[in-house]
């Protein structure tokens, strides 16, 4: 299951319908449908420790996998030059 915090939902909407559809589809097909979602994406370090990032085209999605609910919680979605700011 993919869950977006309110700020991430606003960010994906602001990206436009075509990009939003591409990102949501990729998250559902590559991450949520995976037997082991931890095998996808890269762990982040520093102030973003505990989160993962997934590359989808020119955009990055930052989130974490919540084990107890088997949920991928998306906290940030933006173009790669802006996502970590």
N, C-alpha and C. Protein backbone atom coordinates (compact mmCIF):
# COMPACT_ATOMS: atom_id res chain seq x y z
N UNK A 1 0.84 -1.17 0.00
CA UNK A 1 0.00 0.00 0.00
C UNK A 1 0.90 1.24 0.00
N UNK A 2 0.54 2.22 -0.81
CA UNK A 2 1.25 3.49 -0.87
C UNK A 2 0.39 4.54 -0.17
N UNK A 3 0.99 5.27 0.75
CA UNK A 3 0.28 6.33 1.47
C UNK A 3 1.10 7.61 1.36
N UNK A 4 0.45 8.71 1.04
CA UNK A 4 1.13 10.00 0.92
C UNK A 4 0.74 10.90 2.08
N UNK A 5 1.73 11.55 2.69
CA UNK A 5 1.40 12.57 3.67
C UNK A 5 0.79 13.74 2.90
N UNK A 6 0.01 14.61 3.54
CA UNK A 6 -0.65 15.71 2.82
C UNK A 6 0.29 16.58 1.99
N UNK A 7 1.48 16.87 2.49
CA UNK A 7 2.42 17.70 1.73
C UNK A 7 2.86 17.00 0.45
N UNK A 8 3.10 15.69 0.50
CA UNK A 8 3.51 14.94 -0.69
C UNK A 8 2.36 14.85 -1.69
N UNK A 9 1.14 14.73 -1.20
CA UNK A 9 -0.02 14.72 -2.10
C UNK A 9 -0.13 16.04 -2.85
N UNK A 10 0.13 17.14 -2.18
CA UNK A 10 0.12 18.45 -2.83
C UNK A 10 1.23 18.56 -3.85
N UNK A 11 2.40 18.04 -3.50
CA UNK A 11 3.54 18.11 -4.42
C UNK A 11 3.28 17.30 -5.69
N UNK A 12 2.73 16.12 -5.56
CA UNK A 12 2.48 15.31 -6.75
C UNK A 12 1.41 15.96 -7.63
N UNK A 13 0.42 16.58 -7.03
CA UNK A 13 -0.60 17.29 -7.80
C UNK A 13 0.01 18.46 -8.55
N UNK A 14 0.93 19.17 -7.92
CA UNK A 14 1.57 20.33 -8.53
C UNK A 14 2.46 19.96 -9.71
N UNK A 15 2.88 18.70 -9.79
CA UNK A 15 3.75 18.28 -10.88
C UNK A 15 3.01 18.16 -12.21
N UNK A 16 1.70 18.16 -12.16
CA UNK A 16 0.89 18.02 -13.37
C UNK A 16 0.38 16.61 -13.54
N UNK A 17 -0.72 16.46 -14.27
CA UNK A 17 -1.38 15.15 -14.36
C UNK A 17 -0.53 14.06 -15.03
N UNK A 18 0.23 14.39 -16.06
CA UNK A 18 1.02 13.39 -16.74
C UNK A 18 2.14 12.85 -15.85
N UNK A 19 2.87 13.75 -15.21
CA UNK A 19 3.97 13.34 -14.33
C UNK A 19 3.41 12.64 -13.09
N UNK A 20 2.33 13.15 -12.54
CA UNK A 20 1.72 12.54 -11.35
C UNK A 20 1.30 11.10 -11.65
N UNK A 21 0.69 10.89 -12.80
CA UNK A 21 0.27 9.54 -13.18
C UNK A 21 1.48 8.62 -13.32
N UNK A 22 2.54 9.11 -13.95
CA UNK A 22 3.76 8.32 -14.12
C UNK A 22 4.34 7.92 -12.77
N UNK A 23 4.40 8.86 -11.84
CA UNK A 23 4.99 8.59 -10.53
C UNK A 23 4.13 7.62 -9.73
N UNK A 24 2.84 7.86 -9.67
CA UNK A 24 1.95 6.99 -8.89
C UNK A 24 1.96 5.58 -9.48
N UNK A 25 1.92 5.46 -10.80
CA UNK A 25 1.95 4.14 -11.42
C UNK A 25 3.25 3.40 -11.09
N UNK A 26 4.36 4.12 -11.17
CA UNK A 26 5.65 3.49 -10.85
C UNK A 26 5.70 3.04 -9.39
N UNK A 27 5.19 3.86 -8.49
CA UNK A 27 5.18 3.48 -7.07
C UNK A 27 4.33 2.24 -6.84
N UNK A 28 3.17 2.18 -7.47
CA UNK A 28 2.28 1.04 -7.29
C UNK A 28 2.86 -0.23 -7.90
N UNK A 29 3.42 -0.11 -9.11
CA UNK A 29 3.90 -1.30 -9.81
C UNK A 29 5.27 -1.78 -9.34
N UNK A 30 6.17 -0.86 -9.04
CA UNK A 30 7.54 -1.25 -8.67
C UNK A 30 7.75 -1.43 -7.18
N UNK A 31 7.10 -0.61 -6.38
CA UNK A 31 7.36 -0.64 -4.93
C UNK A 31 6.28 -1.43 -4.20
N UNK A 32 5.03 -0.97 -4.28
CA UNK A 32 3.95 -1.59 -3.52
C UNK A 32 3.71 -3.04 -3.93
N UNK A 33 3.85 -3.37 -5.20
CA UNK A 33 3.59 -4.73 -5.67
C UNK A 33 4.77 -5.67 -5.45
N UNK A 34 5.89 -5.13 -5.02
CA UNK A 34 7.09 -5.94 -4.82
C UNK A 34 6.94 -6.84 -3.60
N UNK A 35 7.49 -8.05 -3.69
CA UNK A 35 7.49 -8.95 -2.54
C UNK A 35 8.33 -8.38 -1.41
N UNK A 36 9.38 -7.66 -1.77
CA UNK A 36 10.26 -7.04 -0.78
C UNK A 36 10.54 -5.60 -1.20
N UNK A 37 9.70 -4.65 -0.80
CA UNK A 37 9.90 -3.25 -1.21
C UNK A 37 11.22 -2.67 -0.73
N UNK A 38 11.86 -3.29 0.28
CA UNK A 38 13.15 -2.81 0.76
C UNK A 38 14.26 -3.05 -0.24
N UNK A 39 14.02 -3.92 -1.22
CA UNK A 39 15.03 -4.19 -2.23
C UNK A 39 15.10 -3.09 -3.29
N UNK A 40 14.16 -2.18 -3.26
CA UNK A 40 14.11 -1.08 -4.23
C UNK A 40 14.52 0.22 -3.56
N UNK A 41 15.11 1.12 -4.31
CA UNK A 41 15.47 2.43 -3.79
C UNK A 41 16.74 2.40 -2.98
N UNK A 42 17.18 3.58 -2.61
CA UNK A 42 18.43 3.73 -1.87
C UNK A 42 18.16 4.35 -0.51
N UNK A 43 18.89 3.89 0.49
CA UNK A 43 18.77 4.48 1.82
C UNK A 43 19.44 5.85 1.81
N UNK A 44 18.86 6.79 2.53
CA UNK A 44 19.42 8.13 2.64
C UNK A 44 20.20 8.24 3.95
N UNK A 45 21.10 9.19 4.00
CA UNK A 45 21.93 9.40 5.18
C UNK A 45 21.75 10.83 5.67
N UNK A 46 22.47 11.16 6.72
CA UNK A 46 22.43 12.52 7.26
C UNK A 46 21.08 12.86 7.86
N UNK A 47 20.59 14.05 7.56
CA UNK A 47 19.32 14.49 8.14
C UNK A 47 18.12 13.71 7.61
N UNK A 48 18.33 12.92 6.55
CA UNK A 48 17.26 12.12 5.97
C UNK A 48 17.40 10.64 6.33
N UNK A 49 18.23 10.34 7.32
CA UNK A 49 18.46 8.96 7.73
C UNK A 49 17.14 8.30 8.12
N UNK A 50 16.98 7.05 7.71
CA UNK A 50 15.76 6.32 7.99
C UNK A 50 14.76 6.37 6.83
N UNK A 51 15.07 7.18 5.84
CA UNK A 51 14.21 7.31 4.67
C UNK A 51 14.91 6.69 3.46
N UNK A 52 14.13 6.40 2.45
CA UNK A 52 14.62 5.89 1.18
C UNK A 52 14.27 6.86 0.08
N UNK A 53 14.99 6.77 -1.03
CA UNK A 53 14.62 7.55 -2.20
C UNK A 53 14.48 6.61 -3.38
N UNK A 54 13.49 6.89 -4.20
CA UNK A 54 13.26 6.14 -5.41
C UNK A 54 13.34 7.10 -6.59
N UNK A 55 14.06 6.70 -7.64
CA UNK A 55 14.19 7.51 -8.85
C UNK A 55 13.08 7.14 -9.81
N UNK A 56 12.34 8.14 -10.25
CA UNK A 56 11.30 7.93 -11.24
C UNK A 56 11.47 9.03 -12.28
N UNK A 57 12.11 8.70 -13.37
CA UNK A 57 12.42 9.70 -14.38
C UNK A 57 13.33 10.77 -13.80
N UNK A 58 12.98 12.04 -14.01
CA UNK A 58 13.75 13.15 -13.47
C UNK A 58 13.32 13.54 -12.06
N UNK A 59 12.46 12.75 -11.45
CA UNK A 59 11.93 13.07 -10.13
C UNK A 59 12.40 12.07 -9.10
N UNK A 60 12.38 12.49 -7.87
CA UNK A 60 12.75 11.62 -6.76
C UNK A 60 11.60 11.59 -5.77
N UNK A 61 11.38 10.42 -5.22
CA UNK A 61 10.34 10.24 -4.21
C UNK A 61 11.05 9.82 -2.94
N UNK A 62 10.78 10.51 -1.86
CA UNK A 62 11.39 10.22 -0.56
C UNK A 62 10.31 9.66 0.35
N UNK A 63 10.61 8.54 0.98
CA UNK A 63 9.63 7.93 1.87
C UNK A 63 10.29 6.90 2.76
N UNK A 64 9.47 6.21 3.50
CA UNK A 64 9.98 5.13 4.34
C UNK A 64 8.99 3.97 4.30
N UNK A 65 9.49 2.81 4.62
CA UNK A 65 8.66 1.61 4.63
C UNK A 65 8.29 1.33 6.08
N UNK A 66 7.00 1.33 6.35
CA UNK A 66 6.52 1.07 7.70
C UNK A 66 6.17 -0.41 7.79
N UNK A 67 7.01 -1.13 8.50
CA UNK A 67 6.92 -2.58 8.58
C UNK A 67 5.61 -3.08 9.19
N UNK A 68 5.17 -2.43 10.25
CA UNK A 68 4.01 -2.94 10.97
C UNK A 68 2.74 -2.93 10.14
N UNK A 69 2.68 -2.04 9.15
CA UNK A 69 1.49 -1.97 8.30
C UNK A 69 1.82 -2.33 6.86
N UNK A 70 3.06 -2.67 6.57
CA UNK A 70 3.54 -2.92 5.23
C UNK A 70 3.06 -1.80 4.31
N UNK A 71 3.42 -0.59 4.69
CA UNK A 71 3.01 0.61 3.98
C UNK A 71 4.25 1.39 3.57
N UNK A 72 4.23 1.92 2.36
CA UNK A 72 5.27 2.82 1.91
C UNK A 72 4.72 4.23 2.10
N UNK A 73 5.29 4.97 3.04
CA UNK A 73 4.82 6.31 3.37
C UNK A 73 5.67 7.32 2.62
N UNK A 74 5.05 8.04 1.70
CA UNK A 74 5.74 9.01 0.87
C UNK A 74 5.66 10.37 1.55
N UNK A 75 6.81 10.98 1.78
CA UNK A 75 6.85 12.25 2.49
C UNK A 75 7.27 13.42 1.61
N UNK A 76 7.86 13.14 0.45
CA UNK A 76 8.32 14.24 -0.41
C UNK A 76 8.39 13.74 -1.83
N UNK A 77 8.03 14.60 -2.78
CA UNK A 77 8.05 14.27 -4.18
C UNK A 77 8.39 15.54 -4.96
N UNK A 78 9.49 15.55 -5.67
CA UNK A 78 9.88 16.75 -6.39
C UNK A 78 10.92 16.41 -7.45
N UNK A 79 11.23 17.40 -8.27
CA UNK A 79 12.29 17.24 -9.25
C UNK A 79 13.59 16.97 -8.51
N UNK A 80 14.48 16.27 -9.14
CA UNK A 80 15.71 15.84 -8.45
C UNK A 80 16.55 16.99 -7.95
N UNK A 81 16.48 18.16 -8.57
CA UNK A 81 17.30 19.29 -8.09
C UNK A 81 16.69 19.97 -6.88
N UNK A 82 15.45 19.63 -6.54
CA UNK A 82 14.76 20.30 -5.42
C UNK A 82 14.37 19.38 -4.27
N UNK A 83 14.39 18.09 -4.47
CA UNK A 83 13.77 17.16 -3.52
C UNK A 83 14.40 17.16 -2.13
N UNK A 84 15.69 17.41 -2.01
CA UNK A 84 16.34 17.30 -0.69
C UNK A 84 16.45 18.64 0.02
N UNK A 85 15.88 19.67 -0.50
CA UNK A 85 15.94 21.00 0.13
C UNK A 85 14.94 21.13 1.24
